[in-house]
Structures are given as structure tokens and as C-alpha cells.
Amino acid sequence: MISVLTLNLRFGLADDGPNNWRCRKKGFGPFLEKYRTDFISFQEANDFQIDFLHNILTEYNYIGKRSPSPSFWQNNIIFYHKKWHCTLYEHFFLSPTPSVPSRYRKSIWPRQCTIGLFKSASRQVICINTHFDFDASVQAKSAKLILHRLSHLPDDVPAILMGDFNAAPLSLCYNIFTGHDDTSSVNAGFFKDTFEKPFMGTHHGFTGNTDGDHIDWILFRGNIKLIDSKLIKDTFKGIYISDHFPLQAQFVWED
């Protein structure tokens, strides 16, 4: 079995009053103790948040932290249990020049993607963690770029794509990833969703409501079979650990 979890941490420098990082971080110990998975992808992570989580996740290594980086920098981090070994890692920008800090013209922020190829015994898996900007055309370009980068990796290795896409299912970028868009010329395997209609909202703004948009996804492809997916609505230490709900999924190998 293989298990994953994804969560937008919420920018640690945001002025969120009683929901600021200093208040919220106390809930991550019990949260991560309850929901231990093989891979954990975090978006919108400041360096000090990553360091704090690394001290909790002592059985994990991680990829995706840009160092040195400005104090306000947001990373897409993949924590992986030490039973897995990272054999290939790349971190790039969602832009026309992915190898340098940059952005598409209509993108507000320099968004990024982290990809790792992992091995445990005879098993391999590719994990992708990303955070999309808001413009639909930028999201479409970002999806095509990620598929293009994945086309250079072994196509017989299952892949799990996680992140905050700032878009709902059936959006243009979602259709590109799932093969329902005919504008993409990328020759790459397409993804399936771990969730089905009706999609519960994943961004709740610290309210706990599920009537918002389902903008956080876990998609997968290859020789793995979904056995369970869950939107985690719990509070920990009496507080929501983010303005997004975490998502969890479990798979089994098909061969």
C-alpha cells in the first residue's frame, strides 16, 4: 500500500489574527501523528514552517526547499518516509524559463513545481507537488509544462500529482491533466481523480465550511489502484491547522 497527504499550509507570515501560524502550529503535532503517510506534500511553506515540520517528522526526509531563499519565499515541499529513497529530484518554475525564478506574464506569483522519483525495495513512484496561480490561461500552460516534464521520466512508473491548483474540477487545467482537453500536444499519460462528484470545498478560510471550491487535488496514474480518499475536516488543539482542508489518499499496487 502507498499513502499520500496534501495541504496548503497557509503562508506563515500572514496576519491571520487568532489563526496565525504561531497559534496554528501547535496542532501539527497531533495532526501528523494521526495522519502519517508515505508522502506529504505541503504548499505555501515558509522556511521556518519547513524547519518546524522537519523537527516533528523525524522519520522523514524532504525535497523542495530552496536554500538560501528570501524570508517571504514560499516552497512546495514533499516529505517522504525514510523507507523511500529519492533517486531523482527536480524543482522548477511554472514559466517560460523554468530553471530560473520567474513567472508567466499573467501570473501574480512565481509559482513552482517539485517532482521526485522515489524507490522502496522493488517499487517506484513519482510524486509531484505544485501550486498554481489564478489565471486560467496560466493554469493551462502550467499543466502542459508539468506533463511535458513528466514525459521525460519513466512512463511505467506510477505518478501521484498533488497540490493547490486554484481551480475546480472540470476547469481547463484539470481537463488537460485528465486528458479531456484537445488543445494539448503533450504525449504523456493522463491522470484520474481520487475524488468524485459532489466535490466538497477544500478552501474554507478557517470556517470549517465545505461549500467552497474544490481547488486542492490528488490525481494519479499508472499501475496503482485507489482504495480510499478523505477530506480531513478535523480540528487539532481546538484550531484548524490551515485555511485549506488536508486531503489524504491510499493506493495499492496493481501488480
Protein backbone atom coordinates (compact mmCIF):
# COMPACT_ATOMS: atom_id res chain seq x y z
CA MET A 1 0.00 0.00 0.00
CA ILE A 2 1.08 3.60 -0.60
CA SER A 3 -0.44 6.65 1.09
CA VAL A 4 -0.23 10.40 0.45
CA LEU A 5 -1.44 13.62 2.00
CA THR A 6 -1.55 17.16 0.66
CA LEU A 7 -2.15 20.50 2.37
CA ASN A 8 -1.70 24.18 1.63
CA LEU A 9 -0.10 25.29 4.91
CA ARG A 10 -1.20 28.92 4.61
CA PHE A 11 1.60 31.47 4.33
CA GLY A 12 3.33 31.61 7.71
CA LEU A 13 3.78 35.39 7.66
CA ALA A 14 0.11 36.15 7.01
CA ASP A 15 -1.65 38.38 9.53
CA ASP A 16 -4.45 35.95 10.41
CA GLY A 17 -5.17 37.06 13.96
CA PRO A 18 -6.12 34.03 16.10
CA ASN A 19 -5.42 31.78 13.07
CA ASN A 20 -1.85 32.93 12.54
CA TRP A 21 1.00 30.44 12.31
CA ARG A 22 2.07 30.89 15.94
CA CYS A 23 -1.38 29.71 17.02
CA ARG A 24 -1.87 27.04 14.38
CA LYS A 25 1.46 25.26 14.63
CA LYS A 26 0.51 23.64 17.95
CA GLY A 27 -2.00 21.48 16.07
CA PHE A 28 0.50 19.97 13.65
CA GLY A 29 1.98 17.53 16.16
CA PRO A 30 -1.30 15.68 16.80
CA PHE A 31 -2.35 16.08 13.14
CA LEU A 32 0.79 14.45 11.77
CA GLU A 33 0.71 11.78 14.46
CA LYS A 34 -2.83 10.80 13.42
CA TYR A 35 -2.28 11.04 9.67
CA ARG A 36 1.10 9.50 8.93
CA THR A 37 1.52 8.72 5.23
CA ASP A 38 4.33 7.70 2.90
CA PHE A 39 4.37 11.13 1.25
CA ILE A 40 3.20 14.52 2.48
CA SER A 41 3.07 17.50 0.12
CA PHE A 42 2.85 21.00 1.53
CA GLN A 43 2.31 24.18 -0.46
CA GLU A 44 2.86 27.81 0.54
CA ALA A 45 5.55 26.88 3.05
CA ASN A 46 7.97 29.40 4.51
CA ASP A 47 11.41 28.17 5.54
CA PHE A 48 10.60 28.42 9.25
CA GLN A 49 7.46 26.33 8.72
CA ILE A 50 9.50 23.67 6.93
CA ASP A 51 12.06 23.61 9.74
CA PHE A 52 9.28 23.28 12.33
CA LEU A 53 7.68 20.37 10.46
CA HIS A 54 11.03 18.68 9.93
CA ASN A 55 11.51 18.62 13.70
CA ILE A 56 8.16 16.82 14.03
CA LEU A 57 8.61 14.47 11.10
CA THR A 58 11.77 12.83 12.37
CA GLU A 59 11.13 9.67 10.32
CA TYR A 60 11.01 11.67 7.09
CA ASN A 61 13.31 13.39 4.64
CA TYR A 62 12.15 16.14 2.29
CA ILE A 63 12.76 17.78 -1.08
CA GLY A 64 11.71 21.16 -2.46
CA LYS A 65 13.25 23.74 -0.13
CA ARG A 66 15.13 26.46 -1.98
CA SER A 67 18.11 27.46 0.10
CA PRO A 68 19.11 30.16 0.59
CA SER A 69 15.86 31.95 -0.11
CA PRO A 70 14.19 35.22 0.87
CA SER A 71 12.36 35.16 4.20
CA PHE A 72 9.00 35.52 2.44
CA TRP A 73 9.69 32.71 -0.05
CA GLN A 74 7.06 30.01 -0.44
CA ASN A 75 8.15 26.46 -1.23
CA ASN A 76 6.37 23.31 -2.39
CA ILE A 77 7.74 20.59 -0.15
CA ILE A 78 7.46 16.82 -0.37
CA PHE A 79 8.21 14.97 2.86
CA TYR A 80 8.84 11.28 2.30
CA HIS A 81 9.20 8.46 4.81
CA LYS A 82 12.76 7.22 5.17
CA LYS A 83 11.76 3.78 3.89
CA TRP A 84 11.68 5.53 0.50
CA HIS A 85 14.81 6.72 -1.31
CA CYS A 86 14.72 9.72 -3.62
CA THR A 87 16.58 8.75 -6.80
CA LEU A 88 15.73 11.82 -8.89
CA TYR A 89 14.55 15.28 -7.91
CA GLU A 90 13.75 18.45 -9.80
CA HIS A 91 12.30 21.78 -8.79
CA PHE A 92 11.26 24.26 -11.45
CA PHE A 93 9.21 27.38 -12.04
CA LEU A 94 5.92 27.45 -13.90
CA SER A 95 7.08 29.87 -16.53
CA PRO A 96 8.68 30.08 -20.00
CA THR A 97 12.09 29.82 -18.24
CA PRO A 98 11.56 27.08 -15.64
CA SER A 99 15.17 26.82 -14.48
CA VAL A 100 15.33 30.37 -13.06
CA PRO A 101 12.98 32.19 -10.66
CA SER A 102 10.31 33.54 -12.99
CA ARG A 103 6.62 33.51 -13.85
CA TYR A 104 4.20 33.63 -16.74
CA ARG A 105 3.23 37.20 -17.65
CA LYS A 106 -0.30 36.86 -16.27
CA SER A 107 0.82 35.06 -13.12
CA ILE A 108 0.76 37.09 -9.91
CA TRP A 109 3.42 34.99 -8.15
CA PRO A 110 6.42 32.94 -9.34
CA ARG A 111 4.73 29.55 -8.94
CA GLN A 112 6.75 26.35 -8.71
CA CYS A 113 6.62 22.57 -9.00
CA THR A 114 8.57 19.87 -7.16
CA ILE A 115 8.95 16.38 -8.65
CA GLY A 116 10.61 13.38 -7.04
CA LEU A 117 11.20 9.83 -8.24
CA PHE A 118 11.23 7.50 -5.23
CA LYS A 119 12.19 3.87 -4.73
CA SER A 120 11.50 1.37 -1.94
CA ALA A 121 12.68 -2.20 -2.47
CA SER A 122 11.37 -3.12 -5.94
CA ARG A 123 8.72 -0.36 -6.05
CA GLN A 124 8.98 3.08 -7.62
CA VAL A 125 6.65 6.04 -7.64
CA ILE A 126 6.76 9.61 -8.92
CA CYS A 127 5.31 12.33 -6.65
CA ILE A 128 4.54 15.82 -7.90
CA ASN A 129 3.66 18.80 -5.71
CA THR A 130 2.63 22.14 -7.17
CA HIS A 131 0.75 25.37 -6.53
CA PHE A 132 -0.96 27.10 -9.46
CA ASP A 133 -1.68 30.79 -9.95
CA PHE A 134 -5.18 32.14 -10.60
CA ASP A 135 -5.44 32.96 -14.31
CA ALA A 136 -6.99 30.11 -16.34
CA SER A 137 -4.59 30.53 -19.26
CA VAL A 138 -1.61 30.43 -16.89
CA GLN A 139 -3.03 27.31 -15.24
CA ALA A 140 -3.35 25.63 -18.64
CA LYS A 141 0.26 26.48 -19.56
CA SER A 142 1.41 25.23 -16.15
CA ALA A 143 -0.42 21.91 -16.59
CA LYS A 144 1.12 21.38 -20.03
CA LEU A 145 4.58 22.23 -18.69
CA ILE A 146 4.25 19.66 -15.89
CA LEU A 147 3.06 16.98 -18.32
CA HIS A 148 5.97 17.81 -20.58
CA ARG A 149 8.47 17.45 -17.73
CA LEU A 150 6.88 14.17 -16.72
CA SER A 151 7.18 12.87 -20.29
CA HIS A 152 10.95 12.65 -19.72
CA LEU A 153 10.53 10.31 -16.74
CA PRO A 154 9.88 6.55 -16.97
CA ASP A 155 6.32 6.06 -18.22
CA ASP A 156 5.98 2.68 -16.50
CA VAL A 157 6.30 4.24 -13.02
CA PRO A 158 3.02 5.32 -11.35
CA ALA A 159 2.68 9.01 -10.59
CA ILE A 160 0.73 10.94 -7.96
CA LEU A 161 0.07 14.64 -8.56
CA MET A 162 -0.88 16.79 -5.58
CA GLY A 163 -1.31 20.44 -4.82
CA ASP A 164 -3.35 23.61 -4.68
CA PHE A 165 -4.50 24.32 -8.24
CA ASN A 166 -6.70 27.34 -7.52
CA ALA A 167 -9.18 25.77 -9.93
CA ALA A 168 -12.12 23.42 -9.59
CA PRO A 169 -12.52 20.04 -11.29
CA LEU A 170 -13.57 20.32 -14.95
CA SER A 171 -11.54 23.54 -15.29
CA LEU A 172 -9.23 23.79 -18.29
CA CYS A 173 -6.10 22.72 -16.42
CA TYR A 174 -7.97 19.80 -14.83
CA ASN A 175 -9.11 18.66 -18.28
CA ILE A 176 -5.54 18.87 -19.55
CA PHE A 177 -4.28 16.65 -16.74
CA THR A 178 -7.12 14.16 -17.15
CA GLY A 179 -6.98 14.02 -20.95
CA HIS A 180 -10.27 15.76 -21.66
CA ASP A 181 -8.77 18.71 -23.50
CA ASP A 182 -7.84 18.53 -27.17
CA THR A 183 -5.53 21.57 -27.17
CA SER A 184 -2.58 19.75 -25.62
CA SER A 185 0.04 18.19 -27.86
CA VAL A 186 1.94 16.63 -24.97
CA ASN A 187 2.36 12.90 -25.38
CA ALA A 188 2.01 11.80 -21.77
CA GLY A 189 -0.17 9.55 -19.67
CA PHE A 190 -3.19 11.25 -18.16
CA PHE A 191 -4.44 11.28 -14.59
CA LYS A 192 -7.52 10.16 -12.69
CA ASP A 193 -9.00 11.94 -9.69
CA THR A 194 -9.10 10.42 -6.22
CA PHE A 195 -12.39 12.24 -5.50
CA GLU A 196 -15.78 12.16 -7.23
CA LYS A 197 -18.84 14.40 -7.51
CA PRO A 198 -20.17 16.05 -5.47
CA PHE A 199 -16.81 17.68 -4.75
CA MET A 200 -16.59 19.17 -1.27
CA GLY A 201 -14.86 22.51 -0.92
CA THR A 202 -11.23 22.33 0.18
CA HIS A 203 -10.62 26.03 0.88
CA HIS A 204 -12.65 27.13 3.89
CA GLY A 205 -10.92 30.27 5.18
CA PHE A 206 -10.76 28.91 8.75
CA THR A 207 -14.55 28.48 8.86
CA GLY A 208 -14.75 24.69 8.51
CA ASN A 209 -17.38 25.03 5.76
CA THR A 210 -17.24 22.63 2.81
CA ASP A 211 -19.36 24.67 0.39
CA GLY A 212 -16.38 26.41 -1.24
CA ASP A 213 -14.45 25.34 -4.33
CA HIS A 214 -12.60 22.03 -4.54
CA ILE A 215 -9.24 23.57 -5.51
CA ASP A 216 -6.87 21.07 -3.86
CA TRP A 217 -6.47 17.77 -5.72
CA ILE A 218 -4.81 14.39 -5.60
CA LEU A 219 -4.58 12.87 -9.09
CA PHE A 220 -2.91 9.60 -10.05
CA ARG A 221 -1.94 7.40 -12.98
CA GLY A 222 -0.18 4.10 -13.61
CA ASN A 223 -0.32 0.70 -12.01
CA ILE A 224 -1.80 1.75 -8.68
CA LYS A 225 -5.42 1.44 -7.60
CA LEU A 226 -7.23 3.89 -5.35
CA ILE A 227 -8.70 2.27 -2.25
CA ASP A 228 -9.62 5.34 -0.19
CA SER A 229 -9.64 9.14 -0.27
CA LYS A 230 -10.57 11.51 2.50
CA LEU A 231 -11.06 15.22 3.11
CA ILE A 232 -9.90 15.83 6.68
CA LYS A 233 -12.19 18.28 8.48
CA ASP A 234 -10.82 17.74 11.99
CA THR A 235 -9.56 20.48 14.27
CA PHE A 236 -6.43 19.89 16.34
CA LYS A 237 -5.82 21.55 19.70
CA GLY A 238 -9.09 23.37 19.07
CA ILE A 239 -7.99 25.09 15.85
CA TYR A 240 -7.95 24.49 12.10
CA ILE A 241 -4.33 23.96 11.08
CA SER A 242 -4.87 25.80 7.78
CA ASP A 243 -7.45 27.70 5.76
CA HIS A 244 -7.47 24.63 3.48
CA PHE A 245 -8.57 21.13 4.43
CA PRO A 246 -5.93 18.40 4.10
CA LEU A 247 -6.61 15.61 1.58
CA GLN A 248 -5.47 12.01 2.02
CA ALA A 249 -5.46 9.08 -0.40
CA GLN A 250 -4.40 5.44 -0.20
CA PHE A 251 -3.49 3.13 -3.07
CA VAL A 252 -2.48 -0.46 -3.63
CA TRP A 253 -0.16 -1.76 -6.32
CA GLU A 254 -1.94 -3.47 -9.18
CA ASP A 255 0.81 -5.99 -9.99
